Amino acid sequence: MSSIGSGYDLSAGQFSPDGRVFQVEYALKAVENSGSVIAIRGCDGVVFGVEKIITSKLYEEGSNRRVYSIDNHIGAAVAGLLSDARAAVNRARDEAANFRDTYQVPIPLKTLCERLGHYMHYFTVYGSLRPFGVSILLGTWDEVNGPKLMEIDPAGSTRGYYGCAVGKGRQNAKTEIEKLEMSKMSCRELVKEVAKVIYSVHDEVKDKHFELELSWIGKDTNGRHELVPKDIFEEAKKYAEEALNDSDDEDTDM
């Protein structure tokens, strides 16, 4: 990305001569500078993992969460500017509530992503607005259709995934996720792997402290998005730390 837009980065509604929209690229950069966020779709649900960077020891544990429930049956994890994320999540909740009031059924994940994607895209075509500096991973599960996982980026584009990663460590995280046989793994198994990936991509040099957030939605939760229970969370965290220590020992021996 060029650091200078040569005047073509003054408005989100303006293309550069080579077809780029710099304001959208800057929004994507805001996402890339965020802590890593991953989501993996297993055989019986979706697991979310967040590397929440702690910039001060004075922060209260559990504050400024990056995992949200959009509706009972849809969970989300966000990377990027937290204030933008809250605004997008509130919009998603409004869309889910309006759909339920109108049709008396929960909103399908694809419909929610299309509506929220259209809303976020609206902010990329007018000069008086700026794009959302956030990417959102959304997941759901039901008995009929099974697990679903989708992503919405700052441009408003929506995509379906089996496994997805955004943020600082996205490339390394994607490499690790591709090694997993996700379609054969349960949520309980994936919780450990998600924690392991988050720990493996964390950069201890640049960001010494971080808080791990884990949530899931699937058969074990009866289709409700919930934080991973404390006992399972601690087990997954211990598994991830041991895997990281083993990896460091191997590097030292070499």
Protein backbone atom coordinates (compact mmCIF):
# COMPACT_ATOMS: atom_id res chain seq x y z
CA MET A 1 0.00 0.00 0.00
CA SER A 2 1.32 3.42 -0.94
CA SER A 3 1.65 5.75 2.04
CA ILE A 4 0.59 8.68 -0.13
CA GLY A 5 -2.72 8.59 -1.99
CA SER A 6 -1.71 11.58 -4.17
CA GLY A 7 -5.01 13.30 -3.37
CA TYR A 8 -7.13 10.25 -4.17
CA ASP A 9 -7.44 9.29 -0.51
CA LEU A 10 -9.40 12.36 0.56
CA SER A 11 -12.77 10.73 -0.08
CA ALA A 12 -14.12 7.20 0.23
CA GLY A 13 -16.17 7.81 -2.91
CA GLN A 14 -13.18 8.44 -5.19
CA PHE A 15 -11.19 5.95 -7.26
CA SER A 16 -7.51 6.37 -8.03
CA PRO A 17 -6.42 6.03 -11.71
CA ASP A 18 -5.41 2.41 -11.07
CA GLY A 19 -8.82 1.51 -9.63
CA ARG A 20 -8.04 1.66 -5.91
CA VAL A 21 -10.13 3.16 -3.11
CA PHE A 22 -7.54 4.26 -0.59
CA GLN A 23 -9.98 4.90 2.25
CA VAL A 24 -11.07 1.25 2.11
CA GLU A 25 -7.43 0.12 2.07
CA TYR A 26 -6.73 2.26 5.13
CA ALA A 27 -9.70 0.63 6.88
CA LEU A 28 -8.28 -2.80 6.03
CA LYS A 29 -4.96 -1.65 7.50
CA ALA A 30 -6.74 -0.82 10.76
CA VAL A 31 -7.98 -4.41 10.85
CA GLU A 32 -4.49 -5.76 10.11
CA ASN A 33 -3.09 -3.82 13.09
CA SER A 34 -5.59 -5.39 15.46
CA GLY A 35 -5.03 -8.49 17.57
CA SER A 36 -5.62 -11.79 15.82
CA VAL A 37 -9.18 -13.13 15.62
CA ILE A 38 -9.97 -16.60 14.30
CA ALA A 39 -13.05 -18.75 13.85
CA ILE A 40 -13.25 -22.40 12.85
CA ARG A 41 -16.28 -24.35 11.70
CA GLY A 42 -16.33 -27.93 12.96
CA CYS A 43 -18.74 -30.83 12.52
CA ASP A 44 -21.09 -29.66 15.30
CA GLY A 45 -20.58 -25.91 15.61
CA VAL A 46 -18.32 -22.86 15.34
CA VAL A 47 -15.57 -21.75 17.75
CA PHE A 48 -14.29 -18.16 18.02
CA GLY A 49 -10.91 -17.15 19.42
CA VAL A 50 -9.60 -13.64 20.09
CA GLU A 51 -6.15 -12.32 20.97
CA LYS A 52 -7.13 -9.17 22.88
CA ILE A 53 -4.00 -7.04 23.24
CA ILE A 54 -3.56 -5.53 26.72
CA THR A 55 -1.83 -2.15 26.45
CA SER A 56 -2.03 -1.32 30.17
CA LYS A 57 -1.86 -3.38 33.35
CA LEU A 58 -4.58 -1.11 34.76
CA TYR A 59 -7.26 -2.57 32.50
CA GLU A 60 -9.90 -4.67 34.24
CA GLU A 61 -9.95 -8.29 33.05
CA GLY A 62 -12.93 -9.05 30.85
CA SER A 63 -13.53 -5.45 29.75
CA ASN A 64 -13.75 -4.35 26.12
CA ARG A 65 -14.67 -7.79 24.85
CA ARG A 66 -14.35 -8.59 21.17
CA VAL A 67 -16.88 -11.42 21.10
CA TYR A 68 -20.58 -10.59 20.89
CA SER A 69 -23.96 -12.27 20.61
CA ILE A 70 -25.96 -10.77 17.75
CA ASP A 71 -29.00 -12.92 18.54
CA ASN A 72 -29.38 -16.09 20.58
CA HIS A 73 -28.44 -18.17 17.52
CA ILE A 74 -25.65 -15.98 16.05
CA GLY A 75 -22.25 -15.16 17.55
CA ALA A 76 -19.61 -12.73 16.33
CA ALA A 77 -15.96 -11.85 16.87
CA VAL A 78 -14.44 -8.58 15.67
CA ALA A 79 -11.02 -7.26 14.65
CA GLY A 80 -10.18 -3.59 14.13
CA LEU A 81 -11.38 -0.41 15.81
CA LEU A 82 -13.49 -1.39 18.81
CA SER A 83 -15.78 1.66 18.62
CA ASP A 84 -16.54 0.88 14.96
CA ALA A 85 -17.14 -2.74 15.92
CA ARG A 86 -19.71 -1.77 18.54
CA ALA A 87 -21.57 0.38 16.01
CA ALA A 88 -21.63 -2.46 13.45
CA VAL A 89 -22.71 -5.01 16.08
CA ASN A 90 -25.56 -2.76 17.22
CA ARG A 91 -26.69 -2.45 13.61
CA ALA A 92 -26.57 -6.24 13.23
CA ARG A 93 -28.64 -6.66 16.40
CA ASP A 94 -31.23 -4.21 15.05
CA GLU A 95 -31.44 -6.15 11.78
CA ALA A 96 -31.88 -9.43 13.68
CA ALA A 97 -34.58 -7.96 15.92
CA ASN A 98 -36.47 -6.38 13.01
CA PHE A 99 -36.40 -9.65 11.06
CA ARG A 100 -37.72 -11.59 14.07
CA ASP A 101 -40.50 -9.04 14.66
CA THR A 102 -41.54 -9.09 11.01
CA TYR A 103 -41.35 -12.80 10.18
CA GLN A 104 -41.56 -14.39 13.66
CA VAL A 105 -38.48 -16.54 12.99
CA PRO A 106 -34.75 -16.03 13.67
CA ILE A 107 -32.82 -14.32 10.90
CA PRO A 108 -30.68 -16.65 8.73
CA LEU A 109 -26.95 -15.93 8.93
CA LYS A 110 -26.64 -15.30 5.19
CA THR A 111 -29.48 -12.77 5.25
CA LEU A 112 -27.95 -10.95 8.23
CA CYS A 113 -24.54 -10.80 6.53
CA GLU A 114 -26.05 -9.46 3.30
CA ARG A 115 -27.93 -6.73 5.16
CA LEU A 116 -24.98 -5.74 7.34
CA GLY A 117 -22.64 -5.92 4.34
CA HIS A 118 -24.90 -3.53 2.41
CA TYR A 119 -24.90 -1.16 5.38
CA MET A 120 -21.10 -1.20 5.68
CA HIS A 121 -20.69 -0.78 1.91
CA TYR A 122 -22.87 2.34 2.10
CA PHE A 123 -20.05 3.99 4.08
CA THR A 124 -17.56 3.43 1.24
CA VAL A 125 -19.42 5.33 -1.51
CA TYR A 126 -20.08 8.76 0.01
CA GLY A 127 -17.46 11.43 0.60
CA SER A 128 -19.07 12.61 3.83
CA LEU A 129 -18.61 9.16 5.44
CA ARG A 130 -15.68 6.86 6.13
CA PRO A 131 -15.53 3.05 5.98
CA PHE A 132 -15.82 0.95 9.12
CA GLY A 133 -12.35 -0.04 10.32
CA VAL A 134 -13.51 -3.50 11.33
CA SER A 135 -13.88 -7.05 10.03
CA ILE A 136 -16.56 -9.24 11.59
CA LEU A 137 -16.65 -13.03 11.80
CA LEU A 138 -20.15 -14.45 12.34
CA GLY A 139 -21.19 -18.01 13.07
CA THR A 140 -24.35 -20.02 13.71
CA TRP A 141 -25.59 -23.60 14.07
CA ASP A 142 -28.92 -25.40 13.86
CA GLU A 143 -30.13 -29.00 13.61
CA VAL A 144 -31.21 -28.67 9.97
CA ASN A 145 -28.39 -26.73 8.29
CA GLY A 146 -25.54 -27.42 10.68
CA PRO A 147 -22.73 -24.89 11.30
CA LYS A 148 -22.17 -21.79 9.17
CA LEU A 149 -19.32 -19.27 9.29
CA MET A 150 -19.08 -15.97 7.39
CA GLU A 151 -16.91 -12.85 7.32
CA ILE A 152 -17.72 -9.22 6.50
CA ASP A 153 -14.78 -6.91 5.67
CA PRO A 154 -14.65 -3.07 5.75
CA ALA A 155 -15.68 -2.91 2.08
CA GLY A 156 -18.93 -4.72 2.92
CA SER A 157 -17.93 -7.93 1.10
CA THR A 158 -19.26 -11.16 2.62
CA ARG A 159 -17.70 -14.62 2.32
CA GLY A 160 -18.39 -18.07 3.70
CA TYR A 161 -15.54 -20.00 5.36
CA TYR A 162 -14.62 -23.30 6.98
CA GLY A 163 -11.91 -21.48 8.90
CA CYS A 164 -11.01 -17.78 8.92
CA ALA A 165 -8.41 -15.49 10.48
CA VAL A 166 -8.07 -11.70 10.56
CA GLY A 167 -5.76 -9.30 12.36
CA LYS A 168 -2.00 -9.19 12.89
CA GLY A 169 -1.28 -12.90 12.75
CA ARG A 170 -3.78 -13.83 10.02
CA GLN A 171 -1.24 -15.38 7.62
CA ASN A 172 0.37 -17.65 10.22
CA ALA A 173 -3.03 -18.46 11.67
CA LYS A 174 -4.39 -19.47 8.26
CA THR A 175 -1.40 -21.76 7.77
CA GLU A 176 -2.11 -23.47 11.10
CA ILE A 177 -5.85 -23.73 10.44
CA GLU A 178 -5.27 -25.37 7.05
CA LYS A 179 -3.46 -28.23 8.81
CA LEU A 180 -6.62 -29.19 10.74
CA GLU A 181 -9.29 -31.64 9.60
CA MET A 182 -11.98 -29.20 10.65
CA SER A 183 -14.98 -31.05 9.23
CA LYS A 184 -14.21 -34.08 11.42
CA MET A 185 -13.55 -32.19 14.66
CA SER A 186 -16.06 -31.35 17.37
CA CYS A 187 -16.29 -27.98 19.10
CA ARG A 188 -14.66 -29.38 22.24
CA GLU A 189 -11.66 -30.44 20.16
CA LEU A 190 -11.57 -27.19 18.23
CA VAL A 191 -11.53 -25.06 21.39
CA LYS A 192 -8.06 -26.42 22.18
CA GLU A 193 -6.84 -25.92 18.63
CA VAL A 194 -8.18 -22.36 18.46
CA ALA A 195 -6.39 -21.49 21.71
CA LYS A 196 -3.22 -23.13 20.39
CA VAL A 197 -3.34 -21.07 17.18
CA ILE A 198 -3.89 -17.81 19.09
CA TYR A 199 -0.89 -18.52 21.34
CA SER A 200 1.30 -19.57 18.40
CA VAL A 201 0.70 -16.37 16.38
CA HIS A 202 1.03 -13.97 19.34
CA ASP A 203 4.07 -11.71 18.98
CA GLU A 204 5.63 -11.51 22.45
CA VAL A 205 8.19 -8.92 21.31
CA LYS A 206 5.69 -6.28 20.12
CA ASP A 207 2.74 -7.19 22.36
CA LYS A 208 3.84 -8.74 25.64
CA HIS A 209 0.43 -9.07 27.27
CA PHE A 210 -2.82 -10.33 25.83
CA GLU A 211 -6.09 -11.80 27.05
CA LEU A 212 -7.52 -14.90 25.38
CA GLU A 213 -11.23 -14.88 24.60
CA LEU A 214 -13.05 -18.04 23.52
CA SER A 215 -16.70 -18.51 22.62
CA TRP A 216 -18.69 -21.13 20.74
CA ILE A 217 -22.05 -21.97 19.27
CA GLY A 218 -23.17 -25.45 18.35
CA LYS A 219 -24.73 -28.69 19.49
CA ASP A 220 -23.17 -28.48 22.95
CA THR A 221 -24.85 -25.11 23.54
CA ASN A 222 -28.20 -26.05 21.93
CA GLY A 223 -27.59 -23.49 19.18
CA ARG A 224 -26.93 -20.57 21.54
CA HIS A 225 -23.81 -18.43 21.36
CA GLU A 226 -21.98 -18.54 24.70
CA LEU A 227 -18.57 -17.98 26.21
CA VAL A 228 -16.67 -21.23 26.62
CA PRO A 229 -17.21 -22.60 30.18
CA LYS A 230 -14.39 -21.79 32.58
CA ASP A 231 -13.23 -25.39 33.06
CA ILE A 232 -13.00 -26.02 29.31
CA PHE A 233 -11.38 -22.60 28.83
CA GLU A 234 -8.67 -23.34 31.40
CA GLU A 235 -8.05 -26.76 29.87
CA ALA A 236 -7.68 -25.24 26.39
CA LYS A 237 -5.41 -22.48 27.72
CA LYS A 238 -3.17 -25.02 29.47
CA TYR A 239 -3.03 -27.14 26.30
CA ALA A 240 -2.03 -24.08 24.22
CA GLU A 241 0.68 -22.98 26.68
CA GLU A 242 2.17 -26.49 26.82
CA ALA A 243 2.18 -26.73 23.01
CA LEU A 244 3.93 -23.35 22.81
CA ASN A 245 6.55 -24.37 25.39
CA ASP A 246 7.19 -27.65 23.56
CA SER A 247 7.70 -25.71 20.34
CA ASP A 248 10.14 -23.32 22.04
CA ASP A 249 12.08 -26.28 23.48
CA GLU A 250 12.40 -27.83 20.03
CA ASP A 251 13.71 -24.55 18.60
CA THR A 252 16.25 -24.31 21.44
CA ASP A 253 17.48 -27.87 20.86
CA MET A 254 18.00 -27.13 17.17
